[in-house]
Amino acid sequence: MTSLHKPVKAYRNNEFMNGRDARSIRILSEYHEPASRFSQYDIDDTIVFMGSARTLSQEEAQNRLAQARERGEGVERAAIDLEMSIYYEAARTLAYRLTAWSKQLDSDKHRFVVCTGGGPGIMEAANRGASEAKGLNIGLTISIPVEEFDNIYVTRELSFHFHYFFMRKFWFAYLAKAVLVFPGGFGTLDELGELLTLLQTRKMRKHLPIVLFGKRFWEEIINFDALARYGMINPEDIDLMFQTDSVDEAYAYVIEHLQKYAMEEKGARL
């Protein structure tokens, strides 16, 4: 008598693929699938923008402040949001200028593509600026228990969604040739701390300029001089970062370092 049972191939077995024993396969998938798409679009290097998902555009912040004043509540919070919106506009402008610069390079590849976490706030601002410059841009979103966490400005073919934070951070670091870090919370501090650790310990061998944008914010949040004074870092470790409030300074610093260290480093990785 012929059996009606038809065996299922392992990679089509959803119970197995989503279970504990296939975790290593899922991790590898978050390496190989992005690698395949980056290769398809000839992307070897990126300019990474990091910062808060909560930062509003100037227009949105102004509207919220007007509504708060009309309601008579939440005015202080809305005023702070408007103050912080300068960073949204700075990220948008920088992404536009860096994308316009990269597009005029004589290369058969897409060089120095803007890459973000794909969400709202500073991430949206950078993707938006790159999109307005008519350039490809990347969004590396993550599955977390909040509402939809992507923005409409990411190039659809380069929109990625990760389960594992460490694989997402790998792709931030692996292709990056420059990083701009804007005011942010725990996630931004985590990403910044990991990059600085990789540079400090020489686990990252390539040259990676890091811009901390928003001097007053960063000086209030992290006292790097105190870390050096207490012997927790070496004084020269502070030089791993360039701090500024100027779009022009940040742009010039990144371009200078890319031209000096990254133009011939297509194969340079961690």
C-alpha atoms as a PDB file:
ATOM      1  CA  MET A   1       0.000   0.000   0.000  1.00  0.00           C
ATOM      2  CA  THR A   2       1.418   3.393  -1.016  1.00  0.00           C
ATOM      3  CA  SER A   3       1.936   5.905   1.792  1.00  0.00           C
ATOM      4  CA  LEU A   4       0.148   9.243   1.418  1.00  0.00           C
ATOM      5  CA  HIS A   5       2.852  10.953   3.479  1.00  0.00           C
ATOM      6  CA  LYS A   6       5.181  13.147   1.399  1.00  0.00           C
ATOM      7  CA  PRO A   7       8.461  14.121   3.070  1.00  0.00           C
ATOM      8  CA  VAL A   8       9.210  17.851   3.359  1.00  0.00           C
ATOM      9  CA  LYS A   9      12.614  19.231   2.418  1.00  0.00           C
ATOM     10  CA  ALA A  10      14.403  20.606   5.461  1.00  0.00           C
ATOM     11  CA  TYR A  11      14.551  24.187   4.172  1.00  0.00           C
ATOM     12  CA  ARG A  12      10.789  24.094   3.532  1.00  0.00           C
ATOM     13  CA  ASN A  13      10.036  22.820   7.030  1.00  0.00           C
ATOM     14  CA  ASN A  14       8.809  25.992   8.743  1.00  0.00           C
ATOM     15  CA  GLU A  15       8.698  24.384  12.180  1.00  0.00           C
ATOM     16  CA  PHE A  16      12.376  23.471  11.883  1.00  0.00           C
ATOM     17  CA  MET A  17      13.498  26.698  10.171  1.00  0.00           C
ATOM     18  CA  ASN A  18      11.833  28.829  12.845  1.00  0.00           C
ATOM     19  CA  GLY A  19      12.972  26.659  15.728  1.00  0.00           C
ATOM     20  CA  ARG A  20      15.978  26.715  18.009  1.00  0.00           C
ATOM     21  CA  ASP A  21      18.022  24.174  16.029  1.00  0.00           C
ATOM     22  CA  ALA A  22      18.023  26.344  12.884  1.00  0.00           C
ATOM     23  CA  ARG A  23      19.235  29.507  14.595  1.00  0.00           C
ATOM     24  CA  SER A  24      22.661  29.272  12.947  1.00  0.00           C
ATOM     25  CA  ILE A  25      20.979  29.055   9.527  1.00  0.00           C
ATOM     26  CA  ARG A  26      18.927  32.163  10.236  1.00  0.00           C
ATOM     27  CA  ILE A  27      22.049  34.032  11.355  1.00  0.00           C
ATOM     28  CA  LEU A  28      23.877  33.035   8.171  1.00  0.00           C
ATOM     29  CA  SER A  29      20.863  34.160   6.137  1.00  0.00           C
ATOM     30  CA  GLU A  30      21.216  37.645   7.608  1.00  0.00           C
ATOM     31  CA  TYR A  31      24.779  37.648   6.307  1.00  0.00           C
ATOM     32  CA  HIS A  32      24.407  36.032   2.879  1.00  0.00           C
ATOM     33  CA  GLU A  33      21.163  37.669   1.719  1.00  0.00           C
ATOM     34  CA  PRO A  34      22.342  41.261   2.293  1.00  0.00           C
ATOM     35  CA  ALA A  35      25.764  40.370   0.837  1.00  0.00           C
ATOM     36  CA  SER A  36      24.063  39.111  -2.303  1.00  0.00           C
ATOM     37  CA  ARG A  37      22.061  42.319  -2.756  1.00  0.00           C
ATOM     38  CA  PHE A  38      25.028  44.590  -2.050  1.00  0.00           C
ATOM     39  CA  SER A  39      26.980  42.684  -4.688  1.00  0.00           C
ATOM     40  CA  GLN A  40      24.103  42.953  -7.147  1.00  0.00           C
ATOM     41  CA  TYR A  41      24.063  46.744  -6.784  1.00  0.00           C
ATOM     42  CA  ASP A  42      27.876  47.100  -6.752  1.00  0.00           C
ATOM     43  CA  ILE A  43      27.992  48.563  -3.248  1.00  0.00           C
ATOM     44  CA  ASP A  44      31.348  48.185  -1.507  1.00  0.00           C
ATOM     45  CA  ASP A  45      31.289  51.053   0.976  1.00  0.00           C
ATOM     46  CA  THR A  46      28.901  53.279   2.871  1.00  0.00           C
ATOM     47  CA  ILE A  47      28.600  56.475   4.878  1.00  0.00           C
ATOM     48  CA  VAL A  48      26.621  55.561   7.984  1.00  0.00           C
ATOM     49  CA  PHE A  49      24.294  57.965   9.794  1.00  0.00           C
ATOM     50  CA  MET A  50      23.259  57.128  13.371  1.00  0.00           C
ATOM     51  CA  GLY A  51      20.956  58.995  15.719  1.00  0.00           C
ATOM     52  CA  SER A  52      17.611  59.102  17.465  1.00  0.00           C
ATOM     53  CA  ALA A  53      14.447  57.749  15.875  1.00  0.00           C
ATOM     54  CA  ARG A  54      12.546  60.415  17.853  1.00  0.00           C
ATOM     55  CA  THR A  55      14.028  63.521  16.244  1.00  0.00           C
ATOM     56  CA  LEU A  56      11.430  65.460  14.253  1.00  0.00           C
ATOM     57  CA  SER A  57      11.788  67.505  11.100  1.00  0.00           C
ATOM     58  CA  GLN A  58      11.639  71.234  11.652  1.00  0.00           C
ATOM     59  CA  GLU A  59       8.246  71.443   9.938  1.00  0.00           C
ATOM     60  CA  GLU A  60       6.735  68.673  12.058  1.00  0.00           C
ATOM     61  CA  ALA A  61       8.239  70.105  15.260  1.00  0.00           C
ATOM     62  CA  GLN A  62       6.830  73.555  14.510  1.00  0.00           C
ATOM     63  CA  ASN A  63       3.378  72.068  13.892  1.00  0.00           C
ATOM     64  CA  ARG A  64       3.482  70.120  17.155  1.00  0.00           C
ATOM     65  CA  LEU A  65       4.550  73.189  19.109  1.00  0.00           C
ATOM     66  CA  ALA A  66       1.680  75.202  17.632  1.00  0.00           C
ATOM     67  CA  GLN A  67      -0.767  72.418  18.565  1.00  0.00           C
ATOM     68  CA  ALA A  68       0.655  72.188  22.092  1.00  0.00           C
ATOM     69  CA  ARG A  69       0.242  75.926  22.613  1.00  0.00           C
ATOM     70  CA  GLU A  70      -3.309  75.698  21.328  1.00  0.00           C
ATOM     71  CA  ARG A  71      -4.081  72.870  23.773  1.00  0.00           C
ATOM     72  CA  GLY A  72      -2.218  74.551  26.599  1.00  0.00           C
ATOM     73  CA  GLU A  73      -0.224  71.435  27.474  1.00  0.00           C
ATOM     74  CA  GLY A  74       2.986  69.740  26.398  1.00  0.00           C
ATOM     75  CA  VAL A  75       4.530  73.057  25.377  1.00  0.00           C
ATOM     76  CA  GLU A  76       7.882  72.477  27.086  1.00  0.00           C
ATOM     77  CA  ARG A  77       8.333  69.055  25.467  1.00  0.00           C
ATOM     78  CA  ALA A  78       7.337  70.403  22.047  1.00  0.00           C
ATOM     79  CA  ALA A  79       9.748  73.327  22.412  1.00  0.00           C
ATOM     80  CA  ILE A  80      12.611  70.918  23.107  1.00  0.00           C
ATOM     81  CA  ASP A  81      11.594  68.843  20.088  1.00  0.00           C
ATOM     82  CA  LEU A  82      11.771  71.977  17.944  1.00  0.00           C
ATOM     83  CA  GLU A  83      15.220  72.773  19.332  1.00  0.00           C
ATOM     84  CA  MET A  84      16.398  69.243  18.518  1.00  0.00           C
ATOM     85  CA  SER A  85      14.978  69.406  14.995  1.00  0.00           C
ATOM     86  CA  ILE A  86      18.121  71.245  13.902  1.00  0.00           C
ATOM     87  CA  TYR A  87      19.811  67.839  13.905  1.00  0.00           C
ATOM     88  CA  TYR A  88      17.211  66.379  11.544  1.00  0.00           C
ATOM     89  CA  GLU A  89      17.825  69.186   9.091  1.00  0.00           C
ATOM     90  CA  ALA A  90      21.614  68.909   9.486  1.00  0.00           C
ATOM     91  CA  ALA A  91      21.536  65.160   8.787  1.00  0.00           C
ATOM     92  CA  ARG A  92      19.309  65.720   5.770  1.00  0.00           C
ATOM     93  CA  THR A  93      21.638  68.382   4.355  1.00  0.00           C
ATOM     94  CA  LEU A  94      24.784  66.367   4.991  1.00  0.00           C
ATOM     95  CA  ALA A  95      23.330  63.251   3.372  1.00  0.00           C
ATOM     96  CA  TYR A  96      22.316  65.297   0.346  1.00  0.00           C
ATOM     97  CA  ARG A  97      25.740  66.864  -0.047  1.00  0.00           C
ATOM     98  CA  LEU A  98      27.669  63.648   0.518  1.00  0.00           C
ATOM     99  CA  THR A  99      25.454  61.787  -1.942  1.00  0.00           C
ATOM    100  CA  ALA A 100      25.843  64.501  -4.584  1.00  0.00           C
ATOM    101  CA  TRP A 101      29.632  64.340  -4.088  1.00  0.00           C
ATOM    102  CA  SER A 102      29.743  60.545  -4.321  1.00  0.00           C
ATOM    103  CA  LYS A 103      27.660  60.489  -7.502  1.00  0.00           C
ATOM    104  CA  GLN A 104      30.203  62.565  -9.381  1.00  0.00           C
ATOM    105  CA  LEU A 105      33.064  60.163  -8.627  1.00  0.00           C
ATOM    106  CA  ASP A 106      34.579  58.373 -11.602  1.00  0.00           C
ATOM    107  CA  SER A 107      33.717  54.798 -10.642  1.00  0.00           C
ATOM    108  CA  ASP A 108      31.868  51.836 -12.073  1.00  0.00           C
ATOM    109  CA  LYS A 109      30.520  51.096  -8.596  1.00  0.00           C
ATOM    110  CA  HIS A 110      28.181  52.934  -6.261  1.00  0.00           C
ATOM    111  CA  ARG A 111      30.689  54.486  -3.871  1.00  0.00           C
ATOM    112  CA  PHE A 112      29.992  55.821  -0.363  1.00  0.00           C
ATOM    113  CA  VAL A 113      26.256  55.142  -0.264  1.00  0.00           C
ATOM    114  CA  VAL A 114      24.301  56.640   2.651  1.00  0.00           C
ATOM    115  CA  CYS A 115      23.243  53.918   5.093  1.00  0.00           C
ATOM    116  CA  THR A 116      20.970  54.230   8.139  1.00  0.00           C
ATOM    117  CA  GLY A 117      18.896  52.095  10.457  1.00  0.00           C
ATOM    118  CA  GLY A 118      15.976  52.710   8.127  1.00  0.00           C
ATOM    119  CA  GLY A 119      13.655  54.134  10.756  1.00  0.00           C
ATOM    120  CA  PRO A 120      12.259  57.605  11.522  1.00  0.00           C
ATOM    121  CA  GLY A 121      14.084  60.586  13.013  1.00  0.00           C
ATOM    122  CA  ILE A 122      17.742  61.071  12.096  1.00  0.00           C
ATOM    123  CA  MET A 123      17.602  57.909   9.998  1.00  0.00           C
ATOM    124  CA  GLU A 124      14.727  59.278   7.948  1.00  0.00           C
ATOM    125  CA  ALA A 125      16.516  62.599   7.567  1.00  0.00           C
ATOM    126  CA  ALA A 126      19.630  60.980   6.094  1.00  0.00           C
ATOM    127  CA  ASN A 127      17.701  58.674   3.772  1.00  0.00           C
ATOM    128  CA  ARG A 128      15.607  61.660   2.735  1.00  0.00           C
ATOM    129  CA  GLY A 129      18.623  63.805   1.921  1.00  0.00           C
ATOM    130  CA  ALA A 130      20.200  61.020  -0.129  1.00  0.00           C
ATOM    131  CA  SER A 131      16.921  60.441  -1.954  1.00  0.00           C
ATOM    132  CA  GLU A 132      16.586  64.158  -2.700  1.00  0.00           C
ATOM    133  CA  ALA A 133      20.048  63.992  -4.274  1.00  0.00           C
ATOM    134  CA  LYS A 134      18.685  61.133  -6.397  1.00  0.00           C
ATOM    135  CA  GLY A 135      21.111  58.616  -4.933  1.00  0.00           C
ATOM    136  CA  LEU A 136      20.749  55.047  -3.793  1.00  0.00           C
ATOM    137  CA  ASN A 137      20.506  54.723  -0.018  1.00  0.00           C
ATOM    138  CA  ILE A 138      20.285  51.854   2.441  1.00  0.00           C
ATOM    139  CA  GLY A 139      18.002  51.113   5.375  1.00  0.00           C
ATOM    140  CA  LEU A 140      18.838  48.381   7.910  1.00  0.00           C
ATOM    141  CA  THR A 141      15.695  48.033  10.012  1.00  0.00           C
ATOM    142  CA  ILE A 142      15.299  45.755  13.028  1.00  0.00           C
ATOM    143  CA  SER A 143      12.320  43.826  14.367  1.00  0.00           C
ATOM    144  CA  ILE A 144      11.414  45.434  17.693  1.00  0.00           C
ATOM    145  CA  PRO A 145       8.056  45.698  19.512  1.00  0.00           C
ATOM    146  CA  VAL A 146       7.049  49.150  18.259  1.00  0.00           C
ATOM    147  CA  GLU A 147       4.944  50.451  15.413  1.00  0.00           C
ATOM    148  CA  GLU A 148       6.190  50.272  11.823  1.00  0.00           C
ATOM    149  CA  PHE A 149       9.875  51.158  11.893  1.00  0.00           C
ATOM    150  CA  ASP A 150      10.882  52.238   8.415  1.00  0.00           C
ATOM    151  CA  ASN A 151      10.727  55.365   6.286  1.00  0.00           C
ATOM    152  CA  ILE A 152       9.619  55.991   2.729  1.00  0.00           C
ATOM    153  CA  TYR A 153      12.945  57.423   1.544  1.00  0.00           C
ATOM    154  CA  VAL A 154      14.966  54.184   1.645  1.00  0.00           C
ATOM    155  CA  THR A 155      15.712  52.719  -1.781  1.00  0.00           C
ATOM    156  CA  ARG A 156      13.254  49.798  -1.845  1.00  0.00           C
ATOM    157  CA  GLU A 157      15.787  47.345  -3.305  1.00  0.00           C
ATOM    158  CA  LEU A 158      18.174  48.214  -0.460  1.00  0.00           C
ATOM    159  CA  SER A 159      15.694  47.969   2.393  1.00  0.00           C
ATOM    160  CA  PHE A 160      16.720  45.207   4.813  1.00  0.00           C
ATOM    161  CA  HIS A 161      14.950  43.834   7.865  1.00  0.00           C
ATOM    162  CA  PHE A 162      16.923  42.052  10.587  1.00  0.00           C
ATOM    163  CA  HIS A 163      16.007  39.886  13.547  1.00  0.00           C
ATOM    164  CA  TYR A 164      19.472  39.843  15.137  1.00  0.00           C
ATOM    165  CA  PHE A 165      20.882  43.115  16.401  1.00  0.00           C
ATOM    166  CA  PHE A 166      24.466  41.868  16.083  1.00  0.00           C
ATOM    167  CA  MET A 167      24.017  41.036  12.385  1.00  0.00           C
ATOM    168  CA  ARG A 168      22.521  44.461  11.761  1.00  0.00           C
ATOM    169  CA  LYS A 169      25.474  46.103  13.545  1.00  0.00           C
ATOM    170  CA  PHE A 170      27.861  43.924  11.541  1.00  0.00           C
ATOM    171  CA  TRP A 171      26.533  45.425   8.299  1.00  0.00           C
ATOM    172  CA  PHE A 172      26.788  48.942   9.720  1.00  0.00           C
ATOM    173  CA  ALA A 173      30.455  48.403  10.525  1.00  0.00           C
ATOM    174  CA  TYR A 174      31.553  46.121   7.683  1.00  0.00           C
ATOM    175  CA  LEU A 175      30.890  48.447   4.753  1.00  0.00           C
ATOM    176  CA  ALA A 176      31.317  51.784   6.553  1.00  0.00           C
ATOM    177  CA  LYS A 177      34.038  54.180   5.439  1.00  0.00           C
ATOM    178  CA  ALA A 178      32.723  57.076   7.551  1.00  0.00           C
ATOM    179  CA  VAL A 179      30.182  57.381  10.370  1.00  0.00           C
ATOM    180  CA  LEU A 180      28.200  60.434  11.465  1.00  0.00           C
ATOM    181  CA  VAL A 181      26.623  60.117  14.905  1.00  0.00           C
ATOM    182  CA  PHE A 182      23.851  62.530  15.849  1.00  0.00           C
ATOM    183  CA  PRO A 183      22.141  62.895  19.241  1.00  0.00           C
ATOM    184  CA  GLY A 184      20.405  59.677  20.232  1.00  0.00           C
ATOM    185  CA  GLY A 185      19.482  57.323  23.028  1.00  0.00           C
ATOM    186  CA  PHE A 186      20.470  53.830  24.135  1.00  0.00           C
ATOM    187  CA  GLY A 187      20.642  52.426  20.595  1.00  0.00           C
ATOM    188  CA  THR A 188      22.885  55.210  19.338  1.00  0.00           C
ATOM    189  CA  LEU A 189      25.145  54.923  22.397  1.00  0.00           C
ATOM    190  CA  ASP A 190      25.381  51.164  21.877  1.00  0.00           C
ATOM    191  CA  GLU A 191      26.345  51.545  18.215  1.00  0.00           C
ATOM    192  CA  LEU A 192      28.852  54.307  18.946  1.00  0.00           C
ATOM    193  CA  GLY A 193      30.406  52.364  21.821  1.00  0.00           C
ATOM    194  CA  GLU A 194      30.890  49.262  19.705  1.00  0.00           C
ATOM    195  CA  LEU A 195      32.566  51.170  16.861  1.00  0.00           C
ATOM    196  CA  LEU A 196      34.894  52.990  19.258  1.00  0.00           C
ATOM    197  CA  THR A 197      35.794  49.684  20.925  1.00  0.00           C
ATOM    198  CA  LEU A 198      36.604  48.081  17.560  1.00  0.00           C
ATOM    199  CA  LEU A 199      38.858  51.012  16.685  1.00  0.00           C
ATOM    200  CA  GLN A 200      40.475  51.230  20.120  1.00  0.00           C
ATOM    201  CA  THR A 201      41.325  47.519  20.186  1.00  0.00           C
ATOM    202  CA  ARG A 202      42.447  47.517  16.514  1.00  0.00           C
ATOM    203  CA  LYS A 203      39.929  44.819  15.696  1.00  0.00           C
ATOM    204  CA  MET A 204      38.850  47.214  12.967  1.00  0.00           C
ATOM    205  CA  ARG A 205      41.903  47.635  10.770  1.00  0.00           C
ATOM    206  CA  LYS A 206      40.527  50.110   8.270  1.00  0.00           C
ATOM    207  CA  HIS A 207      40.563  53.864   8.797  1.00  0.00           C
ATOM    208  CA  LEU A 208      37.116  54.973   9.977  1.00  0.00           C
ATOM    209  CA  PRO A 209      36.428  58.665  10.662  1.00  0.00           C
ATOM    210  CA  ILE A 210      33.671  59.178  13.227  1.00  0.00           C
ATOM    211  CA  VAL A 211      31.895  62.530  13.486  1.00  0.00           C
ATOM    212  CA  LEU A 212      29.974  63.358  16.658  1.00  0.00           C
ATOM    213  CA  PHE A 213      27.510  65.993  15.534  1.00  0.00           C
ATOM    214  CA  GLY A 214      26.104  68.246  18.266  1.00  0.00           C
ATOM    215  CA  LYS A 215      28.904  69.245  20.627  1.00  0.00           C
ATOM    216  CA  ARG A 216      26.712  70.565  23.454  1.00  0.00           C
ATOM    217  CA  PHE A 217      24.628  67.393  23.487  1.00  0.00           C
ATOM    218  CA  TRP A 218      27.589  65.024  23.492  1.00  0.00           C
ATOM    219  CA  GLU A 219      29.560  67.016  26.065  1.00  0.00           C
ATOM    220  CA  GLU A 220      26.562  66.825  28.392  1.00  0.00           C
ATOM    221  CA  ILE A 221      25.830  63.140  27.764  1.00  0.00           C
ATOM    222  CA  ILE A 222      29.371  61.681  27.803  1.00  0.00           C
ATOM    223  CA  ASN A 223      32.330  63.269  29.545  1.00  0.00           C
ATOM    224  CA  PHE A 224      35.143  61.789  27.464  1.00  0.00           C
ATOM    225  CA  ASP A 225      37.737  63.939  29.250  1.00  0.00           C
ATOM    226  CA  ALA A 226      36.647  62.418  32.567  1.00  0.00           C
ATOM    227  CA  LEU A 227      37.053  58.909  31.143  1.00  0.00           C
ATOM    228  CA  ALA A 228      40.632  59.799  30.229  1.00  0.00           C
ATOM    229  CA  ARG A 229      41.286  61.547  33.561  1.00  0.00           C
ATOM    230  CA  TYR A 230      40.169  58.493  35.515  1.00  0.00           C
ATOM    231  CA  GLY A 231      42.316  56.260  33.324  1.00  0.00           C
ATOM    232  CA  MET A 232      39.397  54.413  31.739  1.00  0.00           C
ATOM    233  CA  ILE A 233      40.610  55.350  28.236  1.00  0.00           C
ATOM    234  CA  ASN A 234      43.849  56.820  26.921  1.00  0.00           C
ATOM    235  CA  PRO A 235      43.833  60.562  26.131  1.00  0.00           C
ATOM    236  CA  GLU A 236      44.519  59.769  22.463  1.00  0.00           C
ATOM    237  CA  ASP A 237      41.350  57.652  22.320  1.00  0.00           C
ATOM    238  CA  ILE A 238      39.362  60.887  22.316  1.00  0.00           C
ATOM    239  CA  ASP A 239      40.935  61.632  18.949  1.00  0.00           C
ATOM    240  CA  LEU A 240      38.998  58.699  17.477  1.00  0.00           C
ATOM    241  CA  MET A 241      36.117  61.189  17.166  1.00  0.00           C
ATOM    242  CA  PHE A 242      35.688  64.596  15.571  1.00  0.00           C
ATOM    243  CA  GLN A 243      33.102  66.776  17.309  1.00  0.00           C
ATOM    244  CA  THR A 244      31.346  69.634  15.562  1.00  0.00           C
ATOM    245  CA  ASP A 245      28.120  71.629  15.253  1.00  0.00           C
ATOM    246  CA  SER A 246      28.827  72.670  11.681  1.00  0.00           C
ATOM    247  CA  VAL A 247      27.466  70.974   8.566  1.00  0.00           C
ATOM    248  CA  ASP A 248      30.306  72.486   6.554  1.00  0.00           C
ATOM    249  CA  GLU A 249      32.949  71.204   8.993  1.00  0.00           C
ATOM    250  CA  ALA A 250      31.438  67.722   9.095  1.00  0.00           C
ATOM    251  CA  TYR A 251      31.217  67.578   5.309  1.00  0.00           C
ATOM    252  CA  ALA A 252      34.794  68.760   4.821  1.00  0.00           C
ATOM    253  CA  TYR A 253      36.123  66.350   7.465  1.00  0.00           C
ATOM    254  CA  VAL A 254      34.406  63.315   5.934  1.00  0.00           C
ATOM    255  CA  ILE A 255      35.432  64.194   2.366  1.00  0.00           C
ATOM    256  CA  GLU A 256      39.034  64.800   3.422  1.00  0.00           C
ATOM    257  CA  HIS A 257      39.282  61.415   5.108  1.00  0.00           C
ATOM    258  CA  LEU A 258      37.517  59.538   2.315  1.00  0.00           C
ATOM    259  CA  GLN A 259      39.808  61.075  -0.284  1.00  0.00           C
ATOM    260  CA  LYS A 260      42.909  60.360   1.771  1.00  0.00           C
ATOM    261  CA  TYR A 261      42.154  56.867   3.074  1.00  0.00           C
ATOM    262  CA  ALA A 262      39.204  55.261   1.268  1.00  0.00           C
ATOM    263  CA  MET A 263      39.377  56.041  -2.431  1.00  0.00           C
ATOM    264  CA  GLU A 264      41.663  53.077  -3.138  1.00  0.00           C
ATOM    265  CA  GLU A 265      40.376  50.856  -0.330  1.00  0.00           C
ATOM    266  CA  LYS A 266      37.580  49.018  -2.082  1.00  0.00           C
ATOM    267  CA  GLY A 267      38.536  45.791  -0.361  1.00  0.00           C
ATOM    268  CA  ALA A 268      39.221  47.235   3.100  1.00  0.00           C
ATOM    269  CA  ARG A 269      37.024  45.680   5.748  1.00  0.00           C
ATOM    270  CA  LEU A 270      37.059  45.189   9.488  1.00  0.00           C
END
